[in-house]
Amino acid sequence: MILRRPDLHAYTVRFDVPAATAGSSVTVSWAGVTTLLVDDGQSAVLTDGFFSRPNLVTVATRRLTSSLPRIQTALSRLGVQRLDAVTPVHTHYDHALDSAVVAERTGARLIGGESAAHLGRGHGWPHVEVVTPGQPVPVGNFELTLIEGAHCPPDRFPGPITAPIHPPARVSAYRCGEAWSTLVRHRPTGRRLLIVGSAGYVAGALAGQRADVVYLGVGQLGRQPLDYLKAYWQETVRTVGARRVVLIHWDDFFRPLHEPLRALPRAVDDLDVSMRVLSGLAETDGVALHLPTLWQRSDPWR
């Protein structure tokens, strides 16, 4: 049973994040794992930008490098030509392998901690910006605030990246680095979005912050004790007062984006457990709970 996968068809009704309309001032598009494009038509911010998605054999046996055709295809599907910023939620390969390449191809600033900066430097991209945790950073019409978070246990490659990475490089070179909870505020409208890329938390770190919507990472969450899931919800969704939650980082990232998405195997995660527990918490709190649709321009504030 542990080698099987949860059946996504069981959650068909959850793939219902409101689609963007002509009147949507800010849209959010999901492109797998925790890659999110936040766009208002004038300014755009992208988390991660992980599009290459090498298969398991490649990850386990070879040095990794970005797939330029897959990156370009994904950017085209998202309608992206220019970005104001690319910001990895942390620097494991399944988030940050392509971040510097995407930043270069779109003219974006690569924003994050020292580990993310080393990825940019290794690629030769000079427009890197190391943030002060908790300090807002203006990015076009948006404001990014990166707040200390944590990786969901287990973290297979913990610790910082301490020197530039020059691809191709082993998966172990992409250490976790700084794990962030990323607050995105749209300055013209005041709309606020929280992106929690990994299903980990630092108790009290988000106290005093507010967000209308949370894109909540659930990778490995379904393998945690029940008390952990409850604490994770408390420290993220309840703390910021969100009324809508969209679950991300449940898809099998060894599978390319041109093939149908599938959930991670139960050996790694159990989406069924996460859905059962989080659905109950959401119902208790009166929070709308969704799964995102690949490539769809959504308006989660509708």
C-alpha atoms as a PDB file:
ATOM      1  CA  MET A   1       0.000   0.000   0.000  1.00  0.00           C
ATOM      2  CA  ILE A   2       2.800   2.429   0.819  1.00  0.00           C
ATOM      3  CA  LEU A   3       4.080   2.209  -2.776  1.00  0.00           C
ATOM      4  CA  ARG A   4       0.722   3.277  -4.222  1.00  0.00           C
ATOM      5  CA  ARG A   5      -0.400   6.813  -4.911  1.00  0.00           C
ATOM      6  CA  PRO A   6      -3.467   8.726  -3.758  1.00  0.00           C
ATOM      7  CA  ASP A   7      -6.042   9.021  -6.531  1.00  0.00           C
ATOM      8  CA  LEU A   8      -6.452  12.655  -7.590  1.00  0.00           C
ATOM      9  CA  HIS A   9      -9.866  11.854  -9.060  1.00  0.00           C
ATOM     10  CA  ALA A  10     -11.118  11.582  -5.493  1.00  0.00           C
ATOM     11  CA  TYR A  11     -10.576  15.332  -5.139  1.00  0.00           C
ATOM     12  CA  THR A  12     -12.033  16.552  -8.429  1.00  0.00           C
ATOM     13  CA  VAL A  13     -14.362  18.980  -6.650  1.00  0.00           C
ATOM     14  CA  ARG A  14     -11.388  20.609  -4.918  1.00  0.00           C
ATOM     15  CA  PHE A  15      -9.803  21.784  -8.191  1.00  0.00           C
ATOM     16  CA  ASP A  16     -11.998  24.863  -8.108  1.00  0.00           C
ATOM     17  CA  VAL A  17      -9.890  27.919  -7.388  1.00  0.00           C
ATOM     18  CA  PRO A  18     -11.845  30.790  -9.014  1.00  0.00           C
ATOM     19  CA  ALA A  19     -10.584  31.550 -12.507  1.00  0.00           C
ATOM     20  CA  ALA A  20      -9.367  35.048 -13.259  1.00  0.00           C
ATOM     21  CA  THR A  21     -11.658  37.389 -15.155  1.00  0.00           C
ATOM     22  CA  ALA A  22     -11.055  40.564 -17.135  1.00  0.00           C
ATOM     23  CA  GLY A  23     -11.671  42.462 -13.907  1.00  0.00           C
ATOM     24  CA  SER A  24      -9.099  40.578 -11.799  1.00  0.00           C
ATOM     25  CA  SER A  25      -6.505  43.021 -10.524  1.00  0.00           C
ATOM     26  CA  VAL A  26      -4.071  40.292  -9.419  1.00  0.00           C
ATOM     27  CA  THR A  27      -3.824  36.725 -10.703  1.00  0.00           C
ATOM     28  CA  VAL A  28      -1.986  33.638  -9.486  1.00  0.00           C
ATOM     29  CA  SER A  29      -0.927  30.797 -11.801  1.00  0.00           C
ATOM     30  CA  TRP A  30       0.445  27.480 -10.543  1.00  0.00           C
ATOM     31  CA  ALA A  31       3.078  25.532 -12.491  1.00  0.00           C
ATOM     32  CA  GLY A  32       3.726  22.525 -10.265  1.00  0.00           C
ATOM     33  CA  VAL A  33       5.394  21.988  -6.869  1.00  0.00           C
ATOM     34  CA  THR A  34       5.612  25.537  -5.421  1.00  0.00           C
ATOM     35  CA  THR A  35       6.123  27.504  -8.613  1.00  0.00           C
ATOM     36  CA  LEU A  36       3.614  30.377  -8.561  1.00  0.00           C
ATOM     37  CA  LEU A  37       3.323  33.360 -10.870  1.00  0.00           C
ATOM     38  CA  VAL A  38       1.754  36.403  -9.197  1.00  0.00           C
ATOM     39  CA  ASP A  39       0.906  39.014 -11.817  1.00  0.00           C
ATOM     40  CA  ASP A  40      -1.072  42.235 -12.108  1.00  0.00           C
ATOM     41  CA  GLY A  41      -0.403  42.879 -15.798  1.00  0.00           C
ATOM     42  CA  GLN A  42       2.364  45.383 -15.057  1.00  0.00           C
ATOM     43  CA  SER A  43       4.527  43.604 -12.480  1.00  0.00           C
ATOM     44  CA  ALA A  44       5.119  39.896 -11.975  1.00  0.00           C
ATOM     45  CA  VAL A  45       6.841  37.766  -9.330  1.00  0.00           C
ATOM     46  CA  LEU A  46       7.645  34.057  -9.650  1.00  0.00           C
ATOM     47  CA  THR A  47       8.467  31.659  -6.836  1.00  0.00           C
ATOM     48  CA  ASP A  48      10.977  28.911  -7.673  1.00  0.00           C
ATOM     49  CA  GLY A  49      10.500  28.541 -11.438  1.00  0.00           C
ATOM     50  CA  PHE A  50      11.184  24.791 -11.298  1.00  0.00           C
ATOM     51  CA  PHE A  51      10.300  23.535 -14.770  1.00  0.00           C
ATOM     52  CA  SER A  52      13.010  21.008 -15.739  1.00  0.00           C
ATOM     53  CA  ARG A  53      11.696  18.233 -13.456  1.00  0.00           C
ATOM     54  CA  PRO A  54      14.337  15.539 -14.216  1.00  0.00           C
ATOM     55  CA  ASN A  55      13.216  11.969 -13.626  1.00  0.00           C
ATOM     56  CA  LEU A  56      14.156   9.897 -10.597  1.00  0.00           C
ATOM     57  CA  VAL A  57      16.932   7.943 -12.338  1.00  0.00           C
ATOM     58  CA  THR A  58      18.573  11.170 -13.491  1.00  0.00           C
ATOM     59  CA  VAL A  59      18.353  12.733 -10.045  1.00  0.00           C
ATOM     60  CA  ALA A  60      19.778   9.632  -8.371  1.00  0.00           C
ATOM     61  CA  THR A  61      22.625   8.898 -10.773  1.00  0.00           C
ATOM     62  CA  ARG A  62      23.637  12.015 -12.709  1.00  0.00           C
ATOM     63  CA  ARG A  63      24.650  15.620 -12.266  1.00  0.00           C
ATOM     64  CA  LEU A  64      21.727  17.958 -12.758  1.00  0.00           C
ATOM     65  CA  THR A  65      21.364  20.809 -15.183  1.00  0.00           C
ATOM     66  CA  SER A  66      18.417  22.848 -16.373  1.00  0.00           C
ATOM     67  CA  SER A  67      16.393  21.900 -19.460  1.00  0.00           C
ATOM     68  CA  LEU A  68      16.158  25.065 -21.538  1.00  0.00           C
ATOM     69  CA  PRO A  69      13.390  23.694 -23.787  1.00  0.00           C
ATOM     70  CA  ARG A  70      11.223  22.773 -20.783  1.00  0.00           C
ATOM     71  CA  ILE A  71      11.845  26.162 -19.194  1.00  0.00           C
ATOM     72  CA  GLN A  72      10.913  28.032 -22.362  1.00  0.00           C
ATOM     73  CA  THR A  73       7.805  25.907 -22.888  1.00  0.00           C
ATOM     74  CA  ALA A  74       6.645  26.583 -19.332  1.00  0.00           C
ATOM     75  CA  LEU A  75       7.280  30.318 -19.541  1.00  0.00           C
ATOM     76  CA  SER A  76       5.311  30.407 -22.788  1.00  0.00           C
ATOM     77  CA  ARG A  77       2.408  28.504 -21.186  1.00  0.00           C
ATOM     78  CA  LEU A  78       2.402  31.068 -18.378  1.00  0.00           C
ATOM     79  CA  GLY A  79       2.590  33.954 -20.845  1.00  0.00           C
ATOM     80  CA  VAL A  80       5.818  35.213 -19.271  1.00  0.00           C
ATOM     81  CA  GLN A  81       8.369  37.288 -21.136  1.00  0.00           C
ATOM     82  CA  ARG A  82       9.610  39.525 -18.326  1.00  0.00           C
ATOM     83  CA  LEU A  83       9.621  39.107 -14.548  1.00  0.00           C
ATOM     84  CA  ASP A  84      10.456  41.548 -11.797  1.00  0.00           C
ATOM     85  CA  ALA A  85      11.681  38.879  -9.387  1.00  0.00           C
ATOM     86  CA  VAL A  86      12.299  35.169  -8.961  1.00  0.00           C
ATOM     87  CA  THR A  87      12.383  34.005  -5.345  1.00  0.00           C
ATOM     88  CA  PRO A  88      12.982  30.373  -4.298  1.00  0.00           C
ATOM     89  CA  VAL A  89      11.090  29.184  -1.225  1.00  0.00           C
ATOM     90  CA  HIS A  90      14.276  27.266  -0.352  1.00  0.00           C
ATOM     91  CA  THR A  91      17.172  25.904  -2.380  1.00  0.00           C
ATOM     92  CA  HIS A  92      16.620  22.163  -2.745  1.00  0.00           C
ATOM     93  CA  TYR A  93      16.829  21.226  -6.412  1.00  0.00           C
ATOM     94  CA  ASP A  94      13.053  20.640  -6.733  1.00  0.00           C
ATOM     95  CA  HIS A  95      12.580  24.341  -6.065  1.00  0.00           C
ATOM     96  CA  ALA A  96      15.714  26.169  -7.135  1.00  0.00           C
ATOM     97  CA  LEU A  97      17.393  24.121  -9.887  1.00  0.00           C
ATOM     98  CA  ASP A  98      16.107  26.527 -12.555  1.00  0.00           C
ATOM     99  CA  SER A  99      15.748  29.730 -10.527  1.00  0.00           C
ATOM    100  CA  ALA A 100      18.873  31.485 -11.804  1.00  0.00           C
ATOM    101  CA  VAL A 101      18.234  30.412 -15.406  1.00  0.00           C
ATOM    102  CA  VAL A 102      14.663  31.717 -15.264  1.00  0.00           C
ATOM    103  CA  ALA A 103      15.867  34.976 -13.704  1.00  0.00           C
ATOM    104  CA  GLU A 104      18.378  35.451 -16.506  1.00  0.00           C
ATOM    105  CA  ARG A 105      15.904  34.636 -19.283  1.00  0.00           C
ATOM    106  CA  THR A 106      13.315  37.061 -17.890  1.00  0.00           C
ATOM    107  CA  GLY A 107      15.605  39.838 -16.622  1.00  0.00           C
ATOM    108  CA  ALA A 108      14.481  39.282 -13.039  1.00  0.00           C
ATOM    109  CA  ARG A 109      16.168  39.956  -9.735  1.00  0.00           C
ATOM    110  CA  LEU A 110      16.945  36.712  -7.905  1.00  0.00           C
ATOM    111  CA  ILE A 111      15.768  37.401  -4.357  1.00  0.00           C
ATOM    112  CA  GLY A 112      16.376  35.222  -1.296  1.00  0.00           C
ATOM    113  CA  GLY A 113      19.012  34.298   1.240  1.00  0.00           C
ATOM    114  CA  GLU A 114      22.722  33.658   0.807  1.00  0.00           C
ATOM    115  CA  SER A 115      22.046  30.168  -0.531  1.00  0.00           C
ATOM    116  CA  ALA A 116      19.893  31.523  -3.357  1.00  0.00           C
ATOM    117  CA  ALA A 117      22.519  34.178  -4.060  1.00  0.00           C
ATOM    118  CA  HIS A 118      25.140  31.441  -4.514  1.00  0.00           C
ATOM    119  CA  LEU A 119      22.946  29.856  -7.182  1.00  0.00           C
ATOM    120  CA  GLY A 120      22.836  33.150  -9.063  1.00  0.00           C
ATOM    121  CA  ARG A 121      26.574  33.690  -8.718  1.00  0.00           C
ATOM    122  CA  GLY A 122      27.319  30.166  -9.919  1.00  0.00           C
ATOM    123  CA  HIS A 123      25.249  30.823 -13.001  1.00  0.00           C
ATOM    124  CA  GLY A 124      26.919  34.177 -13.572  1.00  0.00           C
ATOM    125  CA  TRP A 125      23.729  36.197 -13.015  1.00  0.00           C
ATOM    126  CA  PRO A 126      24.688  39.442 -11.253  1.00  0.00           C
ATOM    127  CA  HIS A 127      21.215  40.625 -10.218  1.00  0.00           C
ATOM    128  CA  VAL A 128      20.980  38.832  -6.879  1.00  0.00           C
ATOM    129  CA  GLU A 129      19.568  40.362  -3.721  1.00  0.00           C
ATOM    130  CA  VAL A 130      20.037  38.943  -0.230  1.00  0.00           C
ATOM    131  CA  VAL A 131      17.117  39.915   1.980  1.00  0.00           C
ATOM    132  CA  THR A 132      16.917  40.805   5.632  1.00  0.00           C
ATOM    133  CA  PRO A 133      14.343  38.386   7.088  1.00  0.00           C
ATOM    134  CA  GLY A 134      11.074  40.147   7.840  1.00  0.00           C
ATOM    135  CA  GLN A 135      12.056  43.290   5.928  1.00  0.00           C
ATOM    136  CA  PRO A 136       9.707  44.190   3.019  1.00  0.00           C
ATOM    137  CA  VAL A 137      11.364  44.412  -0.408  1.00  0.00           C
ATOM    138  CA  PRO A 138       9.636  46.520  -3.111  1.00  0.00           C
ATOM    139  CA  VAL A 139       9.309  44.622  -6.401  1.00  0.00           C
ATOM    140  CA  GLY A 140       7.380  46.572  -9.002  1.00  0.00           C
ATOM    141  CA  ASN A 141       3.795  46.883  -7.780  1.00  0.00           C
ATOM    142  CA  PHE A 142       4.424  44.181  -5.193  1.00  0.00           C
ATOM    143  CA  GLU A 143       6.165  43.985  -1.869  1.00  0.00           C
ATOM    144  CA  LEU A 144       7.887  40.754  -0.800  1.00  0.00           C
ATOM    145  CA  THR A 145       8.561  39.881   2.815  1.00  0.00           C
ATOM    146  CA  LEU A 146      10.543  36.709   3.462  1.00  0.00           C
ATOM    147  CA  ILE A 147       9.979  35.349   6.951  1.00  0.00           C
ATOM    148  CA  GLU A 148      11.920  32.579   8.646  1.00  0.00           C
ATOM    149  CA  GLY A 149      10.345  29.168   8.149  1.00  0.00           C
ATOM    150  CA  ALA A 150      11.452  25.553   8.304  1.00  0.00           C
ATOM    151  CA  HIS A 151      11.561  22.500   6.069  1.00  0.00           C
ATOM    152  CA  CYS A 152       9.139  19.681   6.779  1.00  0.00           C
ATOM    153  CA  PRO A 153      10.988  16.724   8.315  1.00  0.00           C
ATOM    154  CA  PRO A 154      12.925  14.923   7.069  1.00  0.00           C
ATOM    155  CA  ASP A 155      15.242  17.371   5.312  1.00  0.00           C
ATOM    156  CA  ARG A 156      17.493  15.094   3.244  1.00  0.00           C
ATOM    157  CA  PHE A 157      19.994  17.821   2.381  1.00  0.00           C
ATOM    158  CA  PRO A 158      19.980  20.275   5.312  1.00  0.00           C
ATOM    159  CA  GLY A 159      22.194  23.296   5.833  1.00  0.00           C
ATOM    160  CA  PRO A 160      23.181  26.269   3.702  1.00  0.00           C
ATOM    161  CA  ILE A 161      24.798  26.460   0.294  1.00  0.00           C
ATOM    162  CA  THR A 162      28.140  28.052   1.110  1.00  0.00           C
ATOM    163  CA  ALA A 163      29.732  28.504  -2.329  1.00  0.00           C
ATOM    164  CA  PRO A 164      28.523  29.112  -5.876  1.00  0.00           C
ATOM    165  CA  ILE A 165      27.116  26.045  -7.652  1.00  0.00           C
ATOM    166  CA  HIS A 166      28.262  25.597 -11.241  1.00  0.00           C
ATOM    167  CA  PRO A 167      25.881  23.193 -13.013  1.00  0.00           C
ATOM    168  CA  PRO A 168      25.853  20.371 -13.794  1.00  0.00           C
ATOM    169  CA  ALA A 169      25.927  19.444 -10.101  1.00  0.00           C
ATOM    170  CA  ARG A 170      24.804  16.576  -7.891  1.00  0.00           C
ATOM    171  CA  VAL A 171      21.432  16.795  -6.176  1.00  0.00           C
ATOM    172  CA  SER A 172      23.241  16.924  -2.817  1.00  0.00           C
ATOM    173  CA  ALA A 173      24.776  20.294  -3.779  1.00  0.00           C
ATOM    174  CA  TYR A 174      21.319  21.848  -3.607  1.00  0.00           C
ATOM    175  CA  ARG A 175      21.068  22.056   0.154  1.00  0.00           C
ATOM    176  CA  CYS A 176      17.966  23.487   1.773  1.00  0.00           C
ATOM    177  CA  GLY A 177      19.428  26.862   2.675  1.00  0.00           C
ATOM    178  CA  GLU A 178      16.988  29.358   4.109  1.00  0.00           C
ATOM    179  CA  ALA A 179      13.380  28.129   4.130  1.00  0.00           C
ATOM    180  CA  TRP A 180      10.928  30.977   3.790  1.00  0.00           C
ATOM    181  CA  SER A 181       7.318  31.836   4.324  1.00  0.00           C
ATOM    182  CA  THR A 182       6.836  34.407   1.579  1.00  0.00           C
ATOM    183  CA  LEU A 183       4.349  37.243   2.010  1.00  0.00           C
ATOM    184  CA  VAL A 184       3.331  39.001  -1.195  1.00  0.00           C
ATOM    185  CA  ARG A 185       1.456  42.297  -0.896  1.00  0.00           C
ATOM    186  CA  HIS A 186       0.026  44.044  -3.927  1.00  0.00           C
ATOM    187  CA  ARG A 187       0.599  47.669  -3.087  1.00  0.00           C
ATOM    188  CA  PRO A 188      -2.136  49.255  -5.284  1.00  0.00           C
ATOM    189  CA  THR A 189      -4.940  47.065  -3.876  1.00  0.00           C
ATOM    190  CA  GLY A 190      -3.549  45.905  -0.534  1.00  0.00           C
ATOM    191  CA  ARG A 191      -4.233  42.275  -1.399  1.00  0.00           C
ATOM    192  CA  ARG A 192      -2.047  39.883   0.572  1.00  0.00           C
ATOM    193  CA  LEU A 193      -0.903  36.374  -0.239  1.00  0.00           C
ATOM    194  CA  LEU A 194       1.167  33.990   1.888  1.00  0.00           C
ATOM    195  CA  ILE A 195       3.179  31.235   0.203  1.00  0.00           C
ATOM    196  CA  VAL A 196       4.476  28.474   2.486  1.00  0.00           C
ATOM    197  CA  GLY A 197       6.639  26.341   0.245  1.00  0.00           C
ATOM    198  CA  SER A 198       7.550  23.552   2.613  1.00  0.00           C
ATOM    199  CA  ALA A 199       5.253  21.994   5.187  1.00  0.00           C
ATOM    200  CA  GLY A 200       7.345  23.287   8.055  1.00  0.00           C
ATOM    201  CA  TYR A 201       7.010  26.178  10.455  1.00  0.00           C
ATOM    202  CA  VAL A 202       8.751  28.204  13.124  1.00  0.00           C
ATOM    203  CA  ALA A 203       6.421  28.712  16.068  1.00  0.00           C
ATOM    204  CA  GLY A 204       5.311  32.334  16.305  1.00  0.00           C
ATOM    205  CA  ALA A 205       7.236  33.485  13.228  1.00  0.00           C
ATOM    206  CA  LEU A 206       4.100  34.738  11.457  1.00  0.00           C
ATOM    207  CA  ALA A 207       2.542  36.390  14.502  1.00  0.00           C
ATOM    208  CA  GLY A 208       1.166  39.806  13.611  1.00  0.00           C
ATOM    209  CA  GLN A 209       1.128  39.080   9.852  1.00  0.00           C
ATOM    210  CA  ARG A 210      -2.048  39.021   7.779  1.00  0.00           C
ATOM    211  CA  ALA A 211      -2.931  37.376   4.462  1.00  0.00           C
ATOM    212  CA  ASP A 212      -6.231  36.875   2.646  1.00  0.00           C
ATOM    213  CA  VAL A 213      -5.067  33.724   0.875  1.00  0.00           C
ATOM    214  CA  VAL A 214      -2.489  31.039   1.690  1.00  0.00           C
ATOM    215  CA  TYR A 215      -0.847  28.774  -0.861  1.00  0.00           C
ATOM    216  CA  LEU A 216       0.128  26.019   1.553  1.00  0.00           C
ATOM    217  CA  GLY A 217       2.845  23.466   0.837  1.00  0.00           C
ATOM    218  CA  VAL A 218       1.911  19.926   1.887  1.00  0.00           C
ATOM    219  CA  GLY A 219       4.908  17.911   0.640  1.00  0.00           C
ATOM    220  CA  GLN A 220       5.653  15.162   3.239  1.00  0.00           C
ATOM    221  CA  LEU A 221       2.897  16.537   5.498  1.00  0.00           C
ATOM    222  CA  GLY A 222       0.836  13.379   5.222  1.00  0.00           C
ATOM    223  CA  ARG A 223       3.651  11.365   6.835  1.00  0.00           C
ATOM    224  CA  GLN A 224       3.679  13.512   9.975  1.00  0.00           C
ATOM    225  CA  PRO A 225       1.857  12.891  13.287  1.00  0.00           C
ATOM    226  CA  LEU A 226      -1.637  14.342  13.615  1.00  0.00           C
ATOM    227  CA  ASP A 227      -0.477  16.937  16.148  1.00  0.00           C
ATOM    228  CA  TYR A 228       2.051  18.231  13.617  1.00  0.00           C
ATOM    229  CA  LEU A 229      -0.650  18.818  10.987  1.00  0.00           C
ATOM    230  CA  LYS A 230      -2.783  20.686  13.493  1.00  0.00           C
ATOM    231  CA  ALA A 231       0.147  22.829  14.627  1.00  0.00           C
ATOM    232  CA  TYR A 232       1.106  23.577  11.010  1.00  0.00           C
ATOM    233  CA  TRP A 233      -2.419  24.834  10.254  1.00  0.00           C
ATOM    234  CA  GLN A 234      -2.407  26.896  13.442  1.00  0.00           C
ATOM    235  CA  GLU A 235       0.977  28.511  12.746  1.00  0.00           C
ATOM    236  CA  THR A 236       0.114  29.400   9.158  1.00  0.00           C
ATOM    237  CA  VAL A 237      -3.555  29.654   8.172  1.00  0.00           C
ATOM    238  CA  ARG A 238      -5.058  30.597  11.524  1.00  0.00           C
ATOM    239  CA  THR A 239      -2.217  32.924  12.455  1.00  0.00           C
ATOM    240  CA  VAL A 240      -2.572  35.088   9.337  1.00  0.00           C
ATOM    241  CA  GLY A 241      -6.378  34.927   9.306  1.00  0.00           C
ATOM    242  CA  ALA A 242      -6.723  33.564   5.766  1.00  0.00           C
ATOM    243  CA  ARG A 243     -10.171  32.724   4.414  1.00  0.00           C
ATOM    244  CA  ARG A 244      -8.961  30.683   1.430  1.00  0.00           C
ATOM    245  CA  VAL A 245      -6.229  28.014   1.240  1.00  0.00           C
ATOM    246  CA  VAL A 246      -4.797  26.401  -1.899  1.00  0.00           C
ATOM    247  CA  LEU A 247      -2.684  23.280  -1.377  1.00  0.00           C
ATOM    248  CA  ILE A 248       0.557  22.963  -3.345  1.00  0.00           C
ATOM    249  CA  HIS A 249       3.652  20.712  -3.437  1.00  0.00           C
ATOM    250  CA  TRP A 250       1.683  17.450  -3.675  1.00  0.00           C
ATOM    251  CA  ASP A 251       2.502  16.595  -7.294  1.00  0.00           C
ATOM    252  CA  ASP A 252       5.148  14.073  -8.364  1.00  0.00           C
ATOM    253  CA  PHE A 253       7.990  16.362  -9.451  1.00  0.00           C
ATOM    254  CA  PHE A 254       9.870  13.530 -11.202  1.00  0.00           C
ATOM    255  CA  ARG A 255       7.174  13.688 -13.881  1.00  0.00           C
ATOM    256  CA  PRO A 256       7.392  16.378 -16.596  1.00  0.00           C
ATOM    257  CA  LEU A 257       4.708  19.011 -16.840  1.00  0.00           C
ATOM    258  CA  HIS A 258       3.557  17.882 -20.300  1.00  0.00           C
ATOM    259  CA  GLU A 259       2.329  14.604 -18.768  1.00  0.00           C
ATOM    260  CA  PRO A 260      -0.759  14.359 -16.534  1.00  0.00           C
ATOM    261  CA  LEU A 261      -0.038  15.280 -12.940  1.00  0.00           C
ATOM    262  CA  ARG A 262      -0.087  12.616 -10.281  1.00  0.00           C
ATOM    263  CA  ALA A 263       0.346  12.671  -6.522  1.00  0.00           C
ATOM    264  CA  LEU A 264       3.572  11.735  -4.797  1.00  0.00           C
ATOM    265  CA  PRO A 265       3.720   8.061  -3.779  1.00  0.00           C
ATOM    266  CA  ARG A 266       2.771   7.159  -0.226  1.00  0.00           C
ATOM    267  CA  ALA A 267       6.380   6.178   0.447  1.00  0.00           C
ATOM    268  CA  VAL A 268       7.139   9.915   0.348  1.00  0.00           C
ATOM    269  CA  ASP A 269       3.828  11.512   1.292  1.00  0.00           C
ATOM    270  CA  ASP A 270       0.163  10.664   1.784  1.00  0.00           C
ATOM    271  CA  LEU A 271      -2.082  13.294   0.268  1.00  0.00           C
ATOM    272  CA  ASP A 272      -5.141  11.409   1.492  1.00  0.00           C
ATOM    273  CA  VAL A 273      -4.117  12.025   5.103  1.00  0.00           C
ATOM    274  CA  SER A 274      -3.387  15.693   4.465  1.00  0.00           C
ATOM    275  CA  MET A 275      -6.722  16.174   2.698  1.00  0.00           C
ATOM    276  CA  ARG A 276      -8.684  14.441   5.439  1.00  0.00           C
ATOM    277  CA  VAL A 277      -7.121  16.409   8.288  1.00  0.00           C
ATOM    278  CA  LEU A 278      -6.886  19.788   6.570  1.00  0.00           C
ATOM    279  CA  SER A 279     -10.433  19.503   5.199  1.00  0.00           C
ATOM    280  CA  GLY A 280     -11.683  19.039   8.749  1.00  0.00           C
ATOM    281  CA  LEU A 281      -9.700  22.000  10.039  1.00  0.00           C
ATOM    282  CA  ALA A 282     -10.869  24.166   7.151  1.00  0.00           C
ATOM    283  CA  GLU A 283     -14.505  23.255   7.771  1.00  0.00           C
ATOM    284  CA  THR A 284     -14.167  24.060  11.466  1.00  0.00           C
ATOM    285  CA  ASP A 285     -12.656  27.462  10.669  1.00  0.00           C
ATOM    286  CA  GLY A 286     -14.947  28.308   7.752  1.00  0.00           C
ATOM    287  CA  VAL A 287     -12.001  28.407   5.352  1.00  0.00           C
ATOM    288  CA  ALA A 288     -12.343  27.481   1.670  1.00  0.00           C
ATOM    289  CA  LEU A 289      -9.888  24.694   0.763  1.00  0.00           C
ATOM    290  CA  HIS A 290      -8.777  24.065  -2.825  1.00  0.00           C
ATOM    291  CA  LEU A 291      -6.316  22.312  -5.085  1.00  0.00           C
ATOM    292  CA  PRO A 292      -4.862  24.347  -7.977  1.00  0.00           C
ATOM    293  CA  THR A 293      -5.243  23.700 -11.689  1.00  0.00           C
ATOM    294  CA  LEU A 294      -2.019  23.620 -13.689  1.00  0.00           C
ATOM    295  CA  TRP A 295      -1.402  26.777 -15.784  1.00  0.00           C
ATOM    296  CA  GLN A 296      -4.771  28.360 -14.900  1.00  0.00           C
ATOM    297  CA  ARG A 297      -4.811  32.099 -14.293  1.00  0.00           C
ATOM    298  CA  SER A 298      -6.710  32.218 -11.018  1.00  0.00           C
ATOM    299  CA  ASP A 299      -8.140  34.934  -8.845  1.00  0.00           C
ATOM    300  CA  PRO A 300      -8.150  33.486  -5.317  1.00  0.00           C
ATOM    301  CA  TRP A 301      -9.570  36.753  -3.957  1.00  0.00           C
ATOM    302  CA  ARG A 302     -12.859  36.285  -5.864  1.00  0.00           C
END
